[in-house]
Amino acid sequence: MNQGSTFGINLAIVIYYFLPRMQVSTYSYSWNLIFDFRQLSVFLNTVVMLFIVYQKTHLNKWQNIDSGRMVVGSYILYLFATVFYLMILEFL
């Protein structure tokens, strides 16, 4: 993997972290904990992706992983989560 594609993948991962996300809050403490889990999962997902790209570039591990597909998959997951949150907001 060359340095140009590594920079692009890292930039796409960082942009993924800063994408705007909806915040749902209810009167129930339990539901708020479930909805707040998304922030933690996005943070962990971003750190793991950056870790995998670093190991693939510098330590020659994870050679069978296509980093571009990994990032595109996270963006698709972001779109699905946004649609899911919109559906929840319609029914609340």
N, C-alpha and C. Protein backbone atom coordinates (compact mmCIF):
# COMPACT_ATOMS: atom_id res chain seq x y z
N MET A 1 0.86 -1.17 0.00
CA MET A 1 0.00 0.00 0.00
C MET A 1 0.91 1.23 0.00
N ASN A 2 0.69 2.14 -0.94
CA ASN A 2 1.54 3.32 -1.00
C ASN A 2 1.06 4.40 -0.04
N GLN A 3 1.90 5.41 0.16
CA GLN A 3 1.60 6.43 1.16
C GLN A 3 0.40 7.30 0.76
N GLY A 4 0.18 7.51 -0.55
CA GLY A 4 -0.96 8.32 -0.98
C GLY A 4 -2.29 7.68 -0.63
N SER A 5 -2.40 6.38 -0.89
CA SER A 5 -3.66 5.71 -0.56
C SER A 5 -3.82 5.59 0.96
N THR A 6 -2.73 5.43 1.69
CA THR A 6 -2.81 5.38 3.15
C THR A 6 -3.31 6.70 3.71
N PHE A 7 -2.80 7.81 3.17
CA PHE A 7 -3.27 9.13 3.63
C PHE A 7 -4.75 9.30 3.32
N GLY A 8 -5.19 8.89 2.15
CA GLY A 8 -6.60 9.01 1.78
C GLY A 8 -7.50 8.17 2.66
N ILE A 9 -7.05 6.96 2.98
CA ILE A 9 -7.86 6.10 3.85
C ILE A 9 -7.92 6.67 5.26
N ASN A 10 -6.79 7.15 5.77
CA ASN A 10 -6.80 7.77 7.11
C ASN A 10 -7.67 9.01 7.14
N LEU A 11 -7.62 9.81 6.09
CA LEU A 11 -8.48 11.00 6.01
C LEU A 11 -9.95 10.60 5.98
N ALA A 12 -10.29 9.57 5.23
CA ALA A 12 -11.69 9.12 5.17
C ALA A 12 -12.15 8.59 6.52
N ILE A 13 -11.26 7.93 7.27
CA ILE A 13 -11.63 7.43 8.59
C ILE A 13 -11.86 8.58 9.55
N VAL A 14 -10.99 9.60 9.51
CA VAL A 14 -11.15 10.75 10.40
C VAL A 14 -12.42 11.53 10.05
N ILE A 15 -12.71 11.67 8.76
CA ILE A 15 -13.95 12.35 8.35
C ILE A 15 -15.16 11.56 8.84
N TYR A 16 -15.06 10.22 8.78
CA TYR A 16 -16.15 9.38 9.29
C TYR A 16 -16.42 9.67 10.76
N TYR A 17 -15.37 9.87 11.53
CA TYR A 17 -15.54 10.14 12.96
C TYR A 17 -16.28 11.45 13.20
N PHE A 18 -16.03 12.46 12.36
CA PHE A 18 -16.61 13.78 12.58
C PHE A 18 -17.91 14.02 11.83
N LEU A 19 -18.46 13.00 11.17
CA LEU A 19 -19.75 13.16 10.50
C LEU A 19 -20.83 13.49 11.52
N PRO A 20 -21.77 14.35 11.15
CA PRO A 20 -22.84 14.68 12.12
C PRO A 20 -23.74 13.48 12.37
N ARG A 21 -24.08 13.29 13.61
CA ARG A 21 -24.95 12.19 13.99
C ARG A 21 -26.12 12.72 14.81
N MET A 22 -27.25 12.08 14.65
CA MET A 22 -28.43 12.50 15.40
C MET A 22 -28.32 12.05 16.84
N GLN A 23 -28.86 12.86 17.71
CA GLN A 23 -28.90 12.51 19.13
C GLN A 23 -30.35 12.37 19.54
N VAL A 24 -30.71 11.21 20.00
CA VAL A 24 -32.07 10.93 20.44
C VAL A 24 -32.06 10.91 21.96
N SER A 25 -32.96 11.65 22.57
CA SER A 25 -33.08 11.60 24.03
C SER A 25 -34.55 11.42 24.38
N THR A 26 -34.78 10.61 25.38
CA THR A 26 -36.13 10.32 25.84
C THR A 26 -36.20 10.59 27.34
N TYR A 27 -37.34 10.35 27.91
CA TYR A 27 -37.50 10.50 29.36
C TYR A 27 -37.02 9.27 30.12
N SER A 28 -36.76 8.21 29.39
CA SER A 28 -36.32 6.97 30.02
C SER A 28 -34.80 6.91 30.06
N TYR A 29 -34.26 6.65 31.23
CA TYR A 29 -32.82 6.54 31.40
C TYR A 29 -32.26 5.34 30.63
N SER A 30 -32.99 4.24 30.62
CA SER A 30 -32.53 3.03 29.94
C SER A 30 -32.42 3.25 28.44
N TRP A 31 -33.43 3.88 27.83
CA TRP A 31 -33.37 4.13 26.39
C TRP A 31 -32.26 5.12 26.06
N ASN A 32 -32.02 6.09 26.93
CA ASN A 32 -30.94 7.03 26.68
C ASN A 32 -29.58 6.33 26.69
N LEU A 33 -29.41 5.34 27.56
CA LEU A 33 -28.16 4.57 27.57
C LEU A 33 -27.98 3.81 26.25
N ILE A 34 -29.07 3.25 25.75
CA ILE A 34 -28.99 2.53 24.47
C ILE A 34 -28.64 3.48 23.34
N PHE A 35 -29.25 4.65 23.31
CA PHE A 35 -28.98 5.60 22.24
C PHE A 35 -27.59 6.22 22.37
N ASP A 36 -27.08 6.36 23.59
CA ASP A 36 -25.74 6.91 23.78
C ASP A 36 -24.64 5.92 23.44
N PHE A 37 -24.99 4.65 23.30
CA PHE A 37 -24.01 3.64 22.94
C PHE A 37 -23.43 3.90 21.55
N ARG A 38 -24.17 4.60 20.71
CA ARG A 38 -23.70 4.86 19.35
C ARG A 38 -22.41 5.69 19.35
N GLN A 39 -22.29 6.65 20.24
CA GLN A 39 -21.08 7.47 20.30
C GLN A 39 -19.87 6.61 20.65
N LEU A 40 -20.03 5.72 21.60
CA LEU A 40 -18.93 4.84 21.99
C LEU A 40 -18.57 3.88 20.86
N SER A 41 -19.57 3.33 20.20
CA SER A 41 -19.29 2.39 19.12
C SER A 41 -18.62 3.08 17.93
N VAL A 42 -18.98 4.32 17.62
CA VAL A 42 -18.32 5.06 16.55
C VAL A 42 -16.86 5.33 16.91
N PHE A 43 -16.61 5.71 18.16
CA PHE A 43 -15.24 5.95 18.60
C PHE A 43 -14.39 4.68 18.49
N LEU A 44 -14.93 3.57 19.00
CA LEU A 44 -14.19 2.31 18.94
C LEU A 44 -13.97 1.85 17.51
N ASN A 45 -14.97 2.00 16.66
CA ASN A 45 -14.85 1.63 15.26
C ASN A 45 -13.76 2.45 14.58
N THR A 46 -13.70 3.75 14.86
CA THR A 46 -12.69 4.61 14.26
C THR A 46 -11.30 4.23 14.73
N VAL A 47 -11.13 3.99 16.01
CA VAL A 47 -9.81 3.62 16.54
C VAL A 47 -9.35 2.29 15.96
N VAL A 48 -10.24 1.33 15.87
CA VAL A 48 -9.88 0.02 15.32
C VAL A 48 -9.50 0.14 13.84
N MET A 49 -10.23 0.92 13.08
CA MET A 49 -9.88 1.09 11.66
C MET A 49 -8.52 1.76 11.50
N LEU A 50 -8.25 2.80 12.30
CA LEU A 50 -6.94 3.45 12.23
C LEU A 50 -5.83 2.49 12.65
N PHE A 51 -6.09 1.66 13.64
CA PHE A 51 -5.12 0.67 14.10
C PHE A 51 -4.83 -0.36 13.00
N ILE A 52 -5.87 -0.82 12.32
CA ILE A 52 -5.68 -1.80 11.24
C ILE A 52 -4.89 -1.20 10.09
N VAL A 53 -5.21 0.04 9.72
CA VAL A 53 -4.48 0.68 8.62
C VAL A 53 -3.02 0.89 9.01
N TYR A 54 -2.76 1.28 10.25
CA TYR A 54 -1.38 1.47 10.71
C TYR A 54 -0.61 0.14 10.65
N GLN A 55 -1.22 -0.93 11.17
CA GLN A 55 -0.55 -2.23 11.16
C GLN A 55 -0.34 -2.74 9.74
N LYS A 56 -1.30 -2.50 8.86
CA LYS A 56 -1.16 -2.96 7.49
C LYS A 56 -0.04 -2.21 6.78
N THR A 57 0.10 -0.92 7.04
CA THR A 57 1.10 -0.10 6.36
C THR A 57 2.50 -0.32 6.91
N HIS A 58 2.65 -0.29 8.22
CA HIS A 58 3.97 -0.28 8.82
C HIS A 58 4.46 -1.64 9.31
N LEU A 59 3.57 -2.53 9.68
CA LEU A 59 3.97 -3.81 10.25
C LEU A 59 3.67 -4.99 9.32
N ASN A 60 3.10 -4.73 8.16
CA ASN A 60 2.77 -5.75 7.16
C ASN A 60 1.85 -6.83 7.70
N LYS A 61 0.91 -6.45 8.57
CA LYS A 61 -0.13 -7.36 9.04
C LYS A 61 -1.42 -7.03 8.29
N TRP A 62 -2.43 -7.84 8.43
CA TRP A 62 -3.74 -7.63 7.83
C TRP A 62 -3.65 -7.46 6.31
N GLN A 63 -2.81 -8.24 5.65
CA GLN A 63 -2.62 -8.07 4.21
C GLN A 63 -3.83 -8.52 3.40
N ASN A 64 -4.68 -9.37 3.94
CA ASN A 64 -5.85 -9.82 3.20
C ASN A 64 -7.04 -8.89 3.37
N ILE A 65 -6.88 -7.76 4.08
CA ILE A 65 -7.97 -6.80 4.28
C ILE A 65 -7.85 -5.69 3.25
N ASP A 66 -8.93 -5.40 2.56
CA ASP A 66 -8.97 -4.27 1.64
C ASP A 66 -9.42 -3.05 2.43
N SER A 67 -8.51 -2.12 2.67
CA SER A 67 -8.80 -0.96 3.51
C SER A 67 -9.88 -0.08 2.92
N GLY A 68 -9.89 0.05 1.60
CA GLY A 68 -10.92 0.85 0.95
C GLY A 68 -12.31 0.30 1.20
N ARG A 69 -12.44 -1.01 1.10
CA ARG A 69 -13.75 -1.63 1.36
C ARG A 69 -14.16 -1.48 2.82
N MET A 70 -13.16 -1.53 3.71
CA MET A 70 -13.46 -1.36 5.13
C MET A 70 -14.05 0.02 5.39
N VAL A 71 -13.46 1.05 4.78
CA VAL A 71 -13.95 2.42 4.98
C VAL A 71 -15.30 2.61 4.31
N VAL A 72 -15.47 2.08 3.11
CA VAL A 72 -16.76 2.20 2.42
C VAL A 72 -17.85 1.48 3.23
N GLY A 73 -17.50 0.34 3.82
CA GLY A 73 -18.45 -0.37 4.67
C GLY A 73 -18.87 0.45 5.88
N SER A 74 -17.94 1.19 6.45
CA SER A 74 -18.30 2.02 7.61
C SER A 74 -19.20 3.17 7.20
N TYR A 75 -18.98 3.73 6.00
CA TYR A 75 -19.87 4.78 5.52
C TYR A 75 -21.27 4.23 5.23
N ILE A 76 -21.36 3.03 4.69
CA ILE A 76 -22.66 2.40 4.45
C ILE A 76 -23.37 2.13 5.77
N LEU A 77 -22.61 1.68 6.77
CA LEU A 77 -23.18 1.48 8.10
C LEU A 77 -23.69 2.80 8.68
N TYR A 78 -22.96 3.89 8.45
CA TYR A 78 -23.40 5.22 8.90
C TYR A 78 -24.73 5.59 8.25
N LEU A 79 -24.86 5.34 6.95
CA LEU A 79 -26.12 5.67 6.25
C LEU A 79 -27.28 4.83 6.78
N PHE A 80 -27.04 3.54 6.99
CA PHE A 80 -28.09 2.68 7.53
C PHE A 80 -28.50 3.11 8.94
N ALA A 81 -27.52 3.48 9.76
CA ALA A 81 -27.84 3.93 11.12
C ALA A 81 -28.64 5.23 11.08
N THR A 82 -28.31 6.12 10.15
CA THR A 82 -29.05 7.37 10.03
C THR A 82 -30.49 7.12 9.63
N VAL A 83 -30.70 6.23 8.69
CA VAL A 83 -32.07 5.88 8.28
C VAL A 83 -32.81 5.24 9.45
N PHE A 84 -32.14 4.37 10.20
CA PHE A 84 -32.75 3.73 11.36
C PHE A 84 -33.15 4.76 12.41
N TYR A 85 -32.28 5.72 12.66
CA TYR A 85 -32.62 6.78 13.64
C TYR A 85 -33.77 7.63 13.15
N LEU A 86 -33.83 7.91 11.86
CA LEU A 86 -34.96 8.66 11.33
C LEU A 86 -36.27 7.90 11.53
N MET A 87 -36.23 6.59 11.34
CA MET A 87 -37.43 5.79 11.55
C MET A 87 -37.84 5.81 13.03
N ILE A 88 -36.86 5.74 13.92
CA ILE A 88 -37.17 5.81 15.35
C ILE A 88 -37.81 7.14 15.69
N LEU A 89 -37.25 8.23 15.14
CA LEU A 89 -37.80 9.55 15.44
C LEU A 89 -39.22 9.72 14.92
N GLU A 90 -39.55 9.07 13.82
CA GLU A 90 -40.91 9.14 13.29
C GLU A 90 -41.90 8.44 14.21
N PHE A 91 -41.45 7.38 14.90
CA PHE A 91 -42.39 6.60 15.73
C PHE A 91 -42.38 7.03 17.18
N LEU A 92 -41.46 7.92 17.60
CA LEU A 92 -41.46 8.36 19.00
C LEU A 92 -42.48 9.44 19.23
